[in-house]
Amino acid sequence: MDNTTLIIIAVLIVAVLVGVGVYFALRQRRSEGLRRRFGPEYDRAVDETGNREKAETVLEQRRRRIERLNIRPLTRRDSARYSDEWHAIQTRFVDDPAGAITEADRLVGEVMSARGYPVTDFNQRTADISVDHPRVVENYRAAHAIAQRHAQGQANTEDLRQAMIHYRALFMDLIGDSPTTHMPHAA
């Protein structure tokens, strides 16, 4: 082989190695971005799919779906109205825990709908919420599971209290308030 051929082969090998390096760097960057955005939901998706690449594809599909929707913040008036309603539901919990849980679930769905999230199937709702509210979507799943157990007569008052706490975390995130700074509005 002459020197020109060796140089061409060396350049091609270097180009392939650089290309492979860039590919893996971009893939790693994508993974880190998704992990940052989705937090614990990223790990849950990996566990559910059994494969990091499949999980990342699922999460990207969720993100693209939400981008096509008209997700919007609540108006101050709506936020205040929903906050007042939430306060009434929390007060109701003392005398009627089961009824309060039903109302909390309904109100969370209503707020989601007002924000522009589709509210048809529970699994789709959690997938949609996970894009913008990944830190609290597990609260929604936990509250919903307790509500289902209660419907089957398998949840006690302490379970319902936990469900209320879970619903509250999602509710506060949806209306944009911090649970530690929210003050109910006077009725």
N, C-alpha and C. Protein backbone atom coordinates (compact mmCIF):
# COMPACT_ATOMS: atom_id res chain seq x y z
N MET A 1 0.83 -1.18 0.00
CA MET A 1 0.00 0.00 0.00
C MET A 1 0.87 1.24 0.00
N ASP A 2 0.38 2.20 -0.73
CA ASP A 2 1.15 3.44 -0.76
C ASP A 2 0.70 4.36 0.37
N ASN A 3 1.43 5.43 0.55
CA ASN A 3 1.16 6.36 1.65
C ASN A 3 -0.21 7.02 1.53
N THR A 4 -0.64 7.34 0.34
CA THR A 4 -1.93 7.99 0.14
C THR A 4 -3.06 7.08 0.62
N THR A 5 -3.00 5.83 0.29
CA THR A 5 -4.02 4.87 0.72
C THR A 5 -4.02 4.75 2.24
N LEU A 6 -2.87 4.68 2.86
CA LEU A 6 -2.78 4.59 4.31
C LEU A 6 -3.35 5.84 4.98
N ILE A 7 -3.07 6.98 4.40
CA ILE A 7 -3.60 8.23 4.96
C ILE A 7 -5.12 8.25 4.85
N ILE A 8 -5.66 7.83 3.71
CA ILE A 8 -7.12 7.80 3.51
C ILE A 8 -7.76 6.83 4.51
N ILE A 9 -7.16 5.66 4.69
CA ILE A 9 -7.69 4.69 5.65
C ILE A 9 -7.63 5.26 7.07
N ALA A 10 -6.54 5.90 7.43
CA ALA A 10 -6.39 6.49 8.76
C ALA A 10 -7.43 7.59 8.98
N VAL A 11 -7.64 8.43 7.96
CA VAL A 11 -8.64 9.51 8.07
C VAL A 11 -10.04 8.91 8.23
N LEU A 12 -10.35 7.87 7.47
CA LEU A 12 -11.65 7.22 7.58
C LEU A 12 -11.86 6.60 8.96
N ILE A 13 -10.83 5.96 9.49
CA ILE A 13 -10.93 5.37 10.82
C ILE A 13 -11.16 6.46 11.87
N VAL A 14 -10.42 7.54 11.77
CA VAL A 14 -10.59 8.66 12.71
C VAL A 14 -12.00 9.24 12.58
N ALA A 15 -12.48 9.41 11.34
CA ALA A 15 -13.82 9.96 11.12
C ALA A 15 -14.89 9.05 11.73
N VAL A 16 -14.75 7.75 11.54
CA VAL A 16 -15.70 6.80 12.12
C VAL A 16 -15.66 6.87 13.65
N LEU A 17 -14.47 6.91 14.22
CA LEU A 17 -14.33 7.00 15.67
C LEU A 17 -14.94 8.29 16.22
N VAL A 18 -14.70 9.39 15.52
CA VAL A 18 -15.29 10.67 15.93
C VAL A 18 -16.81 10.59 15.83
N GLY A 19 -17.31 10.02 14.74
CA GLY A 19 -18.76 9.86 14.56
C GLY A 19 -19.38 9.02 15.67
N VAL A 20 -18.74 7.93 16.01
CA VAL A 20 -19.24 7.07 17.09
C VAL A 20 -19.20 7.83 18.41
N GLY A 21 -18.14 8.56 18.65
CA GLY A 21 -18.03 9.35 19.88
C GLY A 21 -19.12 10.41 19.97
N VAL A 22 -19.37 11.09 18.86
CA VAL A 22 -20.43 12.11 18.83
C VAL A 22 -21.79 11.46 19.08
N TYR A 23 -22.03 10.32 18.43
CA TYR A 23 -23.30 9.61 18.61
C TYR A 23 -23.53 9.28 20.09
N PHE A 24 -22.53 8.71 20.74
CA PHE A 24 -22.69 8.34 22.14
C PHE A 24 -22.79 9.57 23.04
N ALA A 25 -22.09 10.63 22.71
CA ALA A 25 -22.18 11.86 23.50
C ALA A 25 -23.59 12.46 23.39
N LEU A 26 -24.14 12.48 22.18
CA LEU A 26 -25.50 13.00 22.00
C LEU A 26 -26.53 12.13 22.70
N ARG A 27 -26.33 10.84 22.62
CA ARG A 27 -27.24 9.91 23.29
C ARG A 27 -27.19 10.11 24.81
N GLN A 28 -26.00 10.28 25.34
CA GLN A 28 -25.84 10.52 26.77
C GLN A 28 -26.48 11.85 27.17
N ARG A 29 -26.30 12.84 26.35
CA ARG A 29 -26.87 14.17 26.61
C ARG A 29 -28.40 14.10 26.63
N ARG A 30 -28.96 13.35 25.68
CA ARG A 30 -30.41 13.16 25.62
C ARG A 30 -30.90 12.46 26.88
N SER A 31 -30.19 11.41 27.27
CA SER A 31 -30.56 10.66 28.48
C SER A 31 -30.53 11.56 29.71
N GLU A 32 -29.48 12.34 29.85
CA GLU A 32 -29.37 13.23 31.00
C GLU A 32 -30.47 14.28 31.00
N GLY A 33 -30.80 14.81 29.81
CA GLY A 33 -31.88 15.79 29.71
C GLY A 33 -33.22 15.21 30.11
N LEU A 34 -33.50 14.00 29.64
CA LEU A 34 -34.75 13.35 30.00
C LEU A 34 -34.78 13.00 31.49
N ARG A 35 -33.67 12.56 32.02
CA ARG A 35 -33.61 12.23 33.45
C ARG A 35 -33.85 13.48 34.29
N ARG A 36 -33.26 14.62 33.88
CA ARG A 36 -33.47 15.88 34.59
C ARG A 36 -34.93 16.31 34.50
N ARG A 37 -35.50 16.23 33.31
CA ARG A 37 -36.87 16.70 33.11
C ARG A 37 -37.89 15.83 33.83
N PHE A 38 -37.73 14.50 33.74
CA PHE A 38 -38.74 13.59 34.26
C PHE A 38 -38.45 13.07 35.67
N GLY A 39 -37.25 13.28 36.16
CA GLY A 39 -36.92 12.85 37.52
C GLY A 39 -37.25 11.39 37.77
N PRO A 40 -37.99 11.10 38.84
CA PRO A 40 -38.31 9.71 39.18
C PRO A 40 -39.14 9.01 38.11
N GLU A 41 -39.83 9.77 37.31
CA GLU A 41 -40.64 9.17 36.24
C GLU A 41 -39.75 8.52 35.19
N TYR A 42 -38.54 9.03 35.02
CA TYR A 42 -37.58 8.42 34.09
C TYR A 42 -37.27 7.00 34.55
N ASP A 43 -36.93 6.85 35.83
CA ASP A 43 -36.61 5.52 36.36
C ASP A 43 -37.82 4.59 36.29
N ARG A 44 -38.99 5.13 36.54
CA ARG A 44 -40.21 4.32 36.45
C ARG A 44 -40.41 3.82 35.03
N ALA A 45 -40.20 4.68 34.06
CA ALA A 45 -40.35 4.29 32.65
C ALA A 45 -39.33 3.22 32.27
N VAL A 46 -38.11 3.36 32.76
CA VAL A 46 -37.09 2.34 32.49
C VAL A 46 -37.51 1.01 33.10
N ASP A 47 -38.02 1.04 34.33
CA ASP A 47 -38.48 -0.19 34.98
C ASP A 47 -39.64 -0.82 34.22
N GLU A 48 -40.59 0.01 33.77
CA GLU A 48 -41.76 -0.51 33.06
C GLU A 48 -41.41 -1.12 31.71
N THR A 49 -40.51 -0.47 30.99
CA THR A 49 -40.16 -0.96 29.65
C THR A 49 -39.05 -1.99 29.69
N GLY A 50 -38.26 -1.96 30.75
CA GLY A 50 -37.14 -2.89 30.86
C GLY A 50 -35.95 -2.52 30.00
N ASN A 51 -35.98 -1.30 29.45
CA ASN A 51 -34.95 -0.90 28.51
C ASN A 51 -34.86 0.62 28.49
N ARG A 52 -33.66 1.15 28.64
CA ARG A 52 -33.48 2.61 28.69
C ARG A 52 -33.90 3.28 27.39
N GLU A 53 -33.53 2.71 26.26
CA GLU A 53 -33.87 3.32 24.97
C GLU A 53 -35.38 3.34 24.75
N LYS A 54 -36.06 2.25 25.09
CA LYS A 54 -37.52 2.22 24.95
C LYS A 54 -38.16 3.24 25.87
N ALA A 55 -37.65 3.32 27.09
CA ALA A 55 -38.19 4.28 28.06
C ALA A 55 -38.02 5.71 27.55
N GLU A 56 -36.86 6.00 27.00
CA GLU A 56 -36.62 7.35 26.48
C GLU A 56 -37.52 7.65 25.30
N THR A 57 -37.79 6.66 24.48
CA THR A 57 -38.71 6.85 23.36
C THR A 57 -40.11 7.16 23.89
N VAL A 58 -40.55 6.42 24.90
CA VAL A 58 -41.87 6.65 25.50
C VAL A 58 -41.95 8.06 26.08
N LEU A 59 -40.91 8.47 26.80
CA LEU A 59 -40.92 9.80 27.41
C LEU A 59 -40.90 10.90 26.36
N GLU A 60 -40.15 10.70 25.30
CA GLU A 60 -40.14 11.67 24.19
C GLU A 60 -41.52 11.75 23.53
N GLN A 61 -42.18 10.61 23.38
CA GLN A 61 -43.53 10.61 22.80
C GLN A 61 -44.49 11.38 23.69
N ARG A 62 -44.37 11.21 24.99
CA ARG A 62 -45.21 11.97 25.93
C ARG A 62 -44.97 13.47 25.76
N ARG A 63 -43.69 13.83 25.71
CA ARG A 63 -43.34 15.25 25.59
C ARG A 63 -43.92 15.85 24.32
N ARG A 64 -43.78 15.12 23.21
CA ARG A 64 -44.31 15.62 21.93
C ARG A 64 -45.83 15.73 21.97
N ARG A 65 -46.50 14.78 22.61
CA ARG A 65 -47.96 14.82 22.72
C ARG A 65 -48.39 16.08 23.47
N ILE A 66 -47.72 16.37 24.57
CA ILE A 66 -48.08 17.54 25.38
C ILE A 66 -47.81 18.83 24.61
N GLU A 67 -46.75 18.85 23.82
CA GLU A 67 -46.45 20.05 23.02
C GLU A 67 -47.56 20.34 22.03
N ARG A 68 -48.28 19.32 21.58
CA ARG A 68 -49.37 19.52 20.61
C ARG A 68 -50.66 19.99 21.29
N LEU A 69 -50.73 19.83 22.60
CA LEU A 69 -51.92 20.24 23.33
C LEU A 69 -51.81 21.72 23.71
N ASN A 70 -52.93 22.30 24.05
CA ASN A 70 -52.95 23.69 24.48
C ASN A 70 -52.98 23.74 26.01
N ILE A 71 -51.84 23.40 26.62
CA ILE A 71 -51.73 23.44 28.08
C ILE A 71 -51.50 24.89 28.49
N ARG A 72 -52.30 25.35 29.42
CA ARG A 72 -52.22 26.76 29.80
C ARG A 72 -52.33 26.90 31.32
N PRO A 73 -51.81 27.99 31.84
CA PRO A 73 -51.96 28.23 33.28
C PRO A 73 -53.40 28.65 33.59
N LEU A 74 -53.77 28.53 34.83
CA LEU A 74 -55.09 29.00 35.25
C LEU A 74 -55.06 30.51 35.39
N THR A 75 -56.20 31.12 35.20
CA THR A 75 -56.31 32.54 35.51
C THR A 75 -56.26 32.69 37.03
N ARG A 76 -55.96 33.87 37.50
CA ARG A 76 -55.95 34.09 38.95
C ARG A 76 -57.32 33.80 39.56
N ARG A 77 -58.34 34.20 38.83
CA ARG A 77 -59.71 33.98 39.31
C ARG A 77 -60.00 32.48 39.44
N ASP A 78 -59.65 31.71 38.40
CA ASP A 78 -59.88 30.26 38.45
C ASP A 78 -59.04 29.62 39.55
N SER A 79 -57.81 30.05 39.67
CA SER A 79 -56.93 29.51 40.71
C SER A 79 -57.52 29.77 42.09
N ALA A 80 -58.02 30.97 42.31
CA ALA A 80 -58.63 31.31 43.60
C ALA A 80 -59.89 30.48 43.84
N ARG A 81 -60.71 30.32 42.81
CA ARG A 81 -61.94 29.53 42.94
C ARG A 81 -61.62 28.07 43.27
N TYR A 82 -60.65 27.51 42.54
CA TYR A 82 -60.27 26.12 42.81
C TYR A 82 -59.64 25.98 44.20
N SER A 83 -58.86 26.96 44.61
CA SER A 83 -58.26 26.92 45.95
C SER A 83 -59.34 26.94 47.03
N ASP A 84 -60.35 27.78 46.83
CA ASP A 84 -61.46 27.82 47.79
C ASP A 84 -62.18 26.47 47.83
N GLU A 85 -62.39 25.90 46.67
CA GLU A 85 -63.06 24.60 46.61
C GLU A 85 -62.21 23.53 47.29
N TRP A 86 -60.90 23.59 47.07
CA TRP A 86 -60.01 22.62 47.73
C TRP A 86 -60.09 22.76 49.25
N HIS A 87 -60.10 23.99 49.72
CA HIS A 87 -60.19 24.23 51.17
C HIS A 87 -61.48 23.61 51.72
N ALA A 88 -62.58 23.77 51.00
CA ALA A 88 -63.86 23.19 51.43
C ALA A 88 -63.78 21.66 51.46
N ILE A 89 -63.12 21.09 50.48
CA ILE A 89 -62.97 19.62 50.44
C ILE A 89 -62.13 19.14 51.62
N GLN A 90 -61.05 19.86 51.92
CA GLN A 90 -60.22 19.48 53.07
C GLN A 90 -61.03 19.56 54.37
N THR A 91 -61.85 20.58 54.49
CA THR A 91 -62.69 20.73 55.68
C THR A 91 -63.69 19.59 55.76
N ARG A 92 -64.24 19.21 54.64
CA ARG A 92 -65.22 18.12 54.57
C ARG A 92 -64.60 16.78 55.01
N PHE A 93 -63.31 16.63 54.82
CA PHE A 93 -62.64 15.37 55.15
C PHE A 93 -62.88 14.95 56.60
N VAL A 94 -62.95 15.91 57.50
CA VAL A 94 -63.13 15.61 58.92
C VAL A 94 -64.41 14.80 59.15
N ASP A 95 -65.49 15.20 58.50
CA ASP A 95 -66.78 14.54 58.71
C ASP A 95 -67.07 13.44 57.70
N ASP A 96 -66.46 13.52 56.52
CA ASP A 96 -66.78 12.58 55.44
C ASP A 96 -65.54 12.28 54.61
N PRO A 97 -64.61 11.49 55.15
CA PRO A 97 -63.36 11.22 54.42
C PRO A 97 -63.59 10.64 53.03
N ALA A 98 -64.49 9.69 52.92
CA ALA A 98 -64.73 9.04 51.61
C ALA A 98 -65.28 10.05 50.60
N GLY A 99 -66.22 10.86 51.03
CA GLY A 99 -66.77 11.87 50.13
C GLY A 99 -65.73 12.90 49.73
N ALA A 100 -64.87 13.26 50.67
CA ALA A 100 -63.81 14.23 50.38
C ALA A 100 -62.84 13.67 49.35
N ILE A 101 -62.52 12.39 49.44
CA ILE A 101 -61.61 11.78 48.46
C ILE A 101 -62.24 11.79 47.08
N THR A 102 -63.51 11.46 47.01
CA THR A 102 -64.21 11.49 45.72
C THR A 102 -64.18 12.90 45.14
N GLU A 103 -64.44 13.89 45.98
CA GLU A 103 -64.43 15.28 45.53
C GLU A 103 -63.02 15.74 45.15
N ALA A 104 -62.02 15.31 45.90
CA ALA A 104 -60.63 15.68 45.58
C ALA A 104 -60.25 15.14 44.21
N ASP A 105 -60.61 13.90 43.94
CA ASP A 105 -60.32 13.31 42.63
C ASP A 105 -61.03 14.08 41.52
N ARG A 106 -62.29 14.41 41.77
CA ARG A 106 -63.06 15.17 40.78
C ARG A 106 -62.43 16.53 40.53
N LEU A 107 -62.04 17.23 41.61
CA LEU A 107 -61.48 18.56 41.47
C LEU A 107 -60.14 18.53 40.74
N VAL A 108 -59.30 17.55 41.05
CA VAL A 108 -58.03 17.43 40.33
C VAL A 108 -58.29 17.24 38.84
N GLY A 109 -59.26 16.39 38.50
CA GLY A 109 -59.62 16.20 37.10
C GLY A 109 -60.13 17.48 36.46
N GLU A 110 -60.93 18.23 37.20
CA GLU A 110 -61.47 19.49 36.69
C GLU A 110 -60.36 20.51 36.44
N VAL A 111 -59.41 20.60 37.36
CA VAL A 111 -58.29 21.52 37.19
C VAL A 111 -57.44 21.09 35.99
N MET A 112 -57.20 19.80 35.87
CA MET A 112 -56.44 19.30 34.72
C MET A 112 -57.14 19.70 33.42
N SER A 113 -58.43 19.51 33.37
CA SER A 113 -59.20 19.86 32.18
C SER A 113 -59.13 21.36 31.90
N ALA A 114 -59.27 22.17 32.94
CA ALA A 114 -59.20 23.62 32.78
C ALA A 114 -57.83 24.06 32.27
N ARG A 115 -56.79 23.32 32.63
CA ARG A 115 -55.44 23.63 32.16
C ARG A 115 -55.20 23.16 30.73
N GLY A 116 -56.08 22.28 30.22
CA GLY A 116 -55.95 21.81 28.85
C GLY A 116 -55.51 20.37 28.70
N TYR A 117 -55.38 19.66 29.82
CA TYR A 117 -55.00 18.25 29.76
C TYR A 117 -56.24 17.42 29.43
N PRO A 118 -56.12 16.46 28.52
CA PRO A 118 -57.24 15.54 28.29
C PRO A 118 -57.45 14.69 29.55
N VAL A 119 -58.70 14.43 29.89
CA VAL A 119 -58.97 13.70 31.14
C VAL A 119 -59.81 12.45 30.89
N THR A 120 -59.46 11.70 29.89
CA THR A 120 -60.24 10.51 29.59
C THR A 120 -59.78 9.32 30.42
N ASP A 121 -58.74 8.67 30.03
CA ASP A 121 -58.24 7.46 30.66
C ASP A 121 -57.21 7.81 31.73
N PHE A 122 -57.29 7.15 32.90
CA PHE A 122 -56.38 7.47 34.00
C PHE A 122 -54.92 7.31 33.60
N ASN A 123 -54.58 6.21 32.93
CA ASN A 123 -53.18 5.99 32.54
C ASN A 123 -52.68 7.08 31.60
N GLN A 124 -53.54 7.54 30.69
CA GLN A 124 -53.15 8.62 29.79
C GLN A 124 -52.99 9.92 30.57
N ARG A 125 -53.87 10.15 31.55
CA ARG A 125 -53.75 11.36 32.38
C ARG A 125 -52.42 11.38 33.12
N THR A 126 -52.04 10.24 33.70
CA THR A 126 -50.77 10.22 34.43
C THR A 126 -49.59 10.41 33.48
N ALA A 127 -49.68 9.82 32.30
CA ALA A 127 -48.60 10.01 31.32
C ALA A 127 -48.50 11.48 30.92
N ASP A 128 -49.65 12.11 30.69
CA ASP A 128 -49.66 13.52 30.30
C ASP A 128 -49.13 14.41 31.42
N ILE A 129 -49.61 14.18 32.62
CA ILE A 129 -49.18 14.99 33.77
C ILE A 129 -47.69 14.82 34.04
N SER A 130 -47.15 13.64 33.74
CA SER A 130 -45.74 13.37 34.03
C SER A 130 -44.80 14.28 33.26
N VAL A 131 -45.25 14.84 32.17
CA VAL A 131 -44.39 15.70 31.36
C VAL A 131 -44.12 17.03 32.08
N ASP A 132 -45.17 17.66 32.57
CA ASP A 132 -45.02 18.97 33.21
C ASP A 132 -44.94 18.90 34.74
N HIS A 133 -45.36 17.77 35.30
CA HIS A 133 -45.40 17.63 36.76
C HIS A 133 -44.81 16.28 37.18
N PRO A 134 -43.58 15.99 36.77
CA PRO A 134 -43.02 14.66 37.03
C PRO A 134 -42.78 14.36 38.51
N ARG A 135 -42.60 15.39 39.31
CA ARG A 135 -42.29 15.16 40.72
C ARG A 135 -43.52 14.76 41.53
N VAL A 136 -44.72 15.02 41.01
CA VAL A 136 -45.93 14.72 41.78
C VAL A 136 -46.84 13.68 41.12
N VAL A 137 -46.48 13.22 39.94
CA VAL A 137 -47.35 12.25 39.26
C VAL A 137 -47.49 10.97 40.08
N GLU A 138 -46.46 10.61 40.81
CA GLU A 138 -46.56 9.40 41.64
C GLU A 138 -47.58 9.61 42.76
N ASN A 139 -47.72 10.84 43.24
CA ASN A 139 -48.76 11.15 44.23
C ASN A 139 -50.14 10.86 43.65
N TYR A 140 -50.33 11.24 42.40
CA TYR A 140 -51.61 11.01 41.73
C TYR A 140 -51.89 9.51 41.64
N ARG A 141 -50.89 8.75 41.25
CA ARG A 141 -51.07 7.29 41.16
C ARG A 141 -51.42 6.70 42.52
N ALA A 142 -50.70 7.16 43.55
CA ALA A 142 -50.93 6.62 44.90
C ALA A 142 -52.33 6.98 45.39
N ALA A 143 -52.75 8.22 45.19
CA ALA A 143 -54.09 8.64 45.62
C ALA A 143 -55.16 7.85 44.88
N HIS A 144 -54.98 7.69 43.60
CA HIS A 144 -55.94 6.95 42.79
C HIS A 144 -56.03 5.49 43.24
N ALA A 145 -54.89 4.88 43.54
CA ALA A 145 -54.88 3.48 44.01
C ALA A 145 -55.63 3.35 45.33
N ILE A 146 -55.44 4.31 46.22
CA ILE A 146 -56.14 4.28 47.51
C ILE A 146 -57.64 4.45 47.28
N ALA A 147 -58.01 5.38 46.40
CA ALA A 147 -59.44 5.59 46.09
C ALA A 147 -60.06 4.31 45.53
N GLN A 148 -59.33 3.61 44.69
CA GLN A 148 -59.84 2.34 44.15
C GLN A 148 -59.98 1.29 45.25
N ARG A 149 -58.99 1.22 46.13
CA ARG A 149 -59.08 0.27 47.25
C ARG A 149 -60.28 0.62 48.14
N HIS A 150 -60.50 1.91 48.34
CA HIS A 150 -61.64 2.33 49.16
C HIS A 150 -62.95 1.91 48.50
N ALA A 151 -63.05 2.06 47.20
CA ALA A 151 -64.27 1.66 46.49
C ALA A 151 -64.56 0.17 46.67
N GLN A 152 -63.52 -0.60 46.94
CA GLN A 152 -63.67 -2.04 47.16
C GLN A 152 -63.75 -2.37 48.66
N GLY A 153 -63.83 -1.33 49.49
CA GLY A 153 -63.94 -1.53 50.93
C GLY A 153 -62.63 -1.95 51.58
N GLN A 154 -61.51 -1.61 50.98
CA GLN A 154 -60.22 -2.08 51.48
C GLN A 154 -59.31 -0.94 51.95
N ALA A 155 -59.86 0.23 52.22
CA ALA A 155 -59.03 1.35 52.69
C ALA A 155 -59.65 1.91 53.97
N ASN A 156 -58.81 2.19 54.94
CA ASN A 156 -59.29 2.77 56.19
C ASN A 156 -59.11 4.29 56.16
N THR A 157 -59.48 4.93 57.25
CA THR A 157 -59.41 6.39 57.31
C THR A 157 -57.98 6.90 57.15
N GLU A 158 -57.02 6.21 57.72
CA GLU A 158 -55.62 6.63 57.56
C GLU A 158 -55.20 6.55 56.09
N ASP A 159 -55.64 5.51 55.40
CA ASP A 159 -55.36 5.41 53.96
C ASP A 159 -55.96 6.60 53.22
N LEU A 160 -57.20 6.94 53.58
CA LEU A 160 -57.87 8.07 52.93
C LEU A 160 -57.14 9.38 53.23
N ARG A 161 -56.61 9.50 54.44
CA ARG A 161 -55.83 10.70 54.78
C ARG A 161 -54.59 10.78 53.89
N GLN A 162 -53.94 9.65 53.68
CA GLN A 162 -52.77 9.62 52.79
C GLN A 162 -53.18 10.00 51.37
N ALA A 163 -54.32 9.50 50.92
CA ALA A 163 -54.80 9.85 49.57
C ALA A 163 -55.01 11.36 49.47
N MET A 164 -55.58 11.94 50.51
CA MET A 164 -55.83 13.38 50.51
C MET A 164 -54.51 14.15 50.41
N ILE A 165 -53.49 13.69 51.11
CA ILE A 165 -52.18 14.33 51.05
C ILE A 165 -51.61 14.23 49.63
N HIS A 166 -51.77 13.06 49.03
CA HIS A 166 -51.28 12.86 47.66
C HIS A 166 -52.03 13.75 46.67
N TYR A 167 -53.35 13.79 46.79
CA TYR A 167 -54.13 14.66 45.90
C TYR A 167 -53.73 16.12 46.09
N ARG A 168 -53.49 16.50 47.34
CA ARG A 168 -53.12 17.89 47.61
C ARG A 168 -51.80 18.26 46.92
N ALA A 169 -50.83 17.37 46.95
CA ALA A 169 -49.54 17.67 46.30
C ALA A 169 -49.73 17.93 44.81
N LEU A 170 -50.52 17.10 44.16
CA LEU A 170 -50.77 17.31 42.73
C LEU A 170 -51.59 18.57 42.51
N PHE A 171 -52.64 18.75 43.30
CA PHE A 171 -53.49 19.92 43.16
C PHE A 171 -52.68 21.21 43.26
N MET A 172 -51.84 21.29 44.28
CA MET A 172 -51.05 22.50 44.47
C MET A 172 -50.10 22.72 43.31
N ASP A 173 -49.54 21.66 42.79
CA ASP A 173 -48.64 21.78 41.64
C ASP A 173 -49.42 22.25 40.40
N LEU A 174 -50.62 21.73 40.24
CA LEU A 174 -51.43 22.10 39.07
C LEU A 174 -51.86 23.56 39.10
N ILE A 175 -52.17 24.07 40.28
CA ILE A 175 -52.59 25.47 40.32
C ILE A 175 -51.41 26.41 40.46
N GLY A 176 -50.23 25.84 40.69
CA GLY A 176 -49.02 26.66 40.68
C GLY A 176 -48.60 27.20 42.02
N ASP A 177 -49.21 26.72 43.09
CA ASP A 177 -48.84 27.16 44.43
C ASP A 177 -47.92 26.14 45.07
N SER A 178 -47.13 26.62 46.00
CA SER A 178 -46.30 25.73 46.80
C SER A 178 -47.13 25.27 47.99
N PRO A 179 -47.12 23.98 48.32
CA PRO A 179 -47.89 23.51 49.47
C PRO A 179 -47.53 24.23 50.77
N THR A 180 -46.34 24.73 50.88
CA THR A 180 -45.94 25.38 52.13
C THR A 180 -46.33 26.85 52.18
N THR A 181 -46.69 27.43 51.05
CA THR A 181 -47.02 28.86 51.06
C THR A 181 -48.48 29.13 50.74
N HIS A 182 -49.25 28.11 50.41
CA HIS A 182 -50.64 28.31 50.01
C HIS A 182 -51.49 28.71 51.21
N MET A 183 -52.24 29.77 51.04
CA MET A 183 -53.21 30.18 52.04
C MET A 183 -54.57 30.17 51.38
N PRO A 184 -55.55 29.47 51.93
CA PRO A 184 -56.87 29.45 51.31
C PRO A 184 -57.48 30.84 51.31
N HIS A 185 -58.26 31.10 50.29
CA HIS A 185 -58.94 32.39 50.17
C HIS A 185 -60.20 32.36 51.02
N ALA A 186 -60.57 33.50 51.52
CA ALA A 186 -61.79 33.58 52.31
C ALA A 186 -62.99 33.30 51.42
N ALA A 187 -63.93 32.55 51.94
CA ALA A 187 -65.12 32.19 51.15
C ALA A 187 -66.16 33.28 51.20
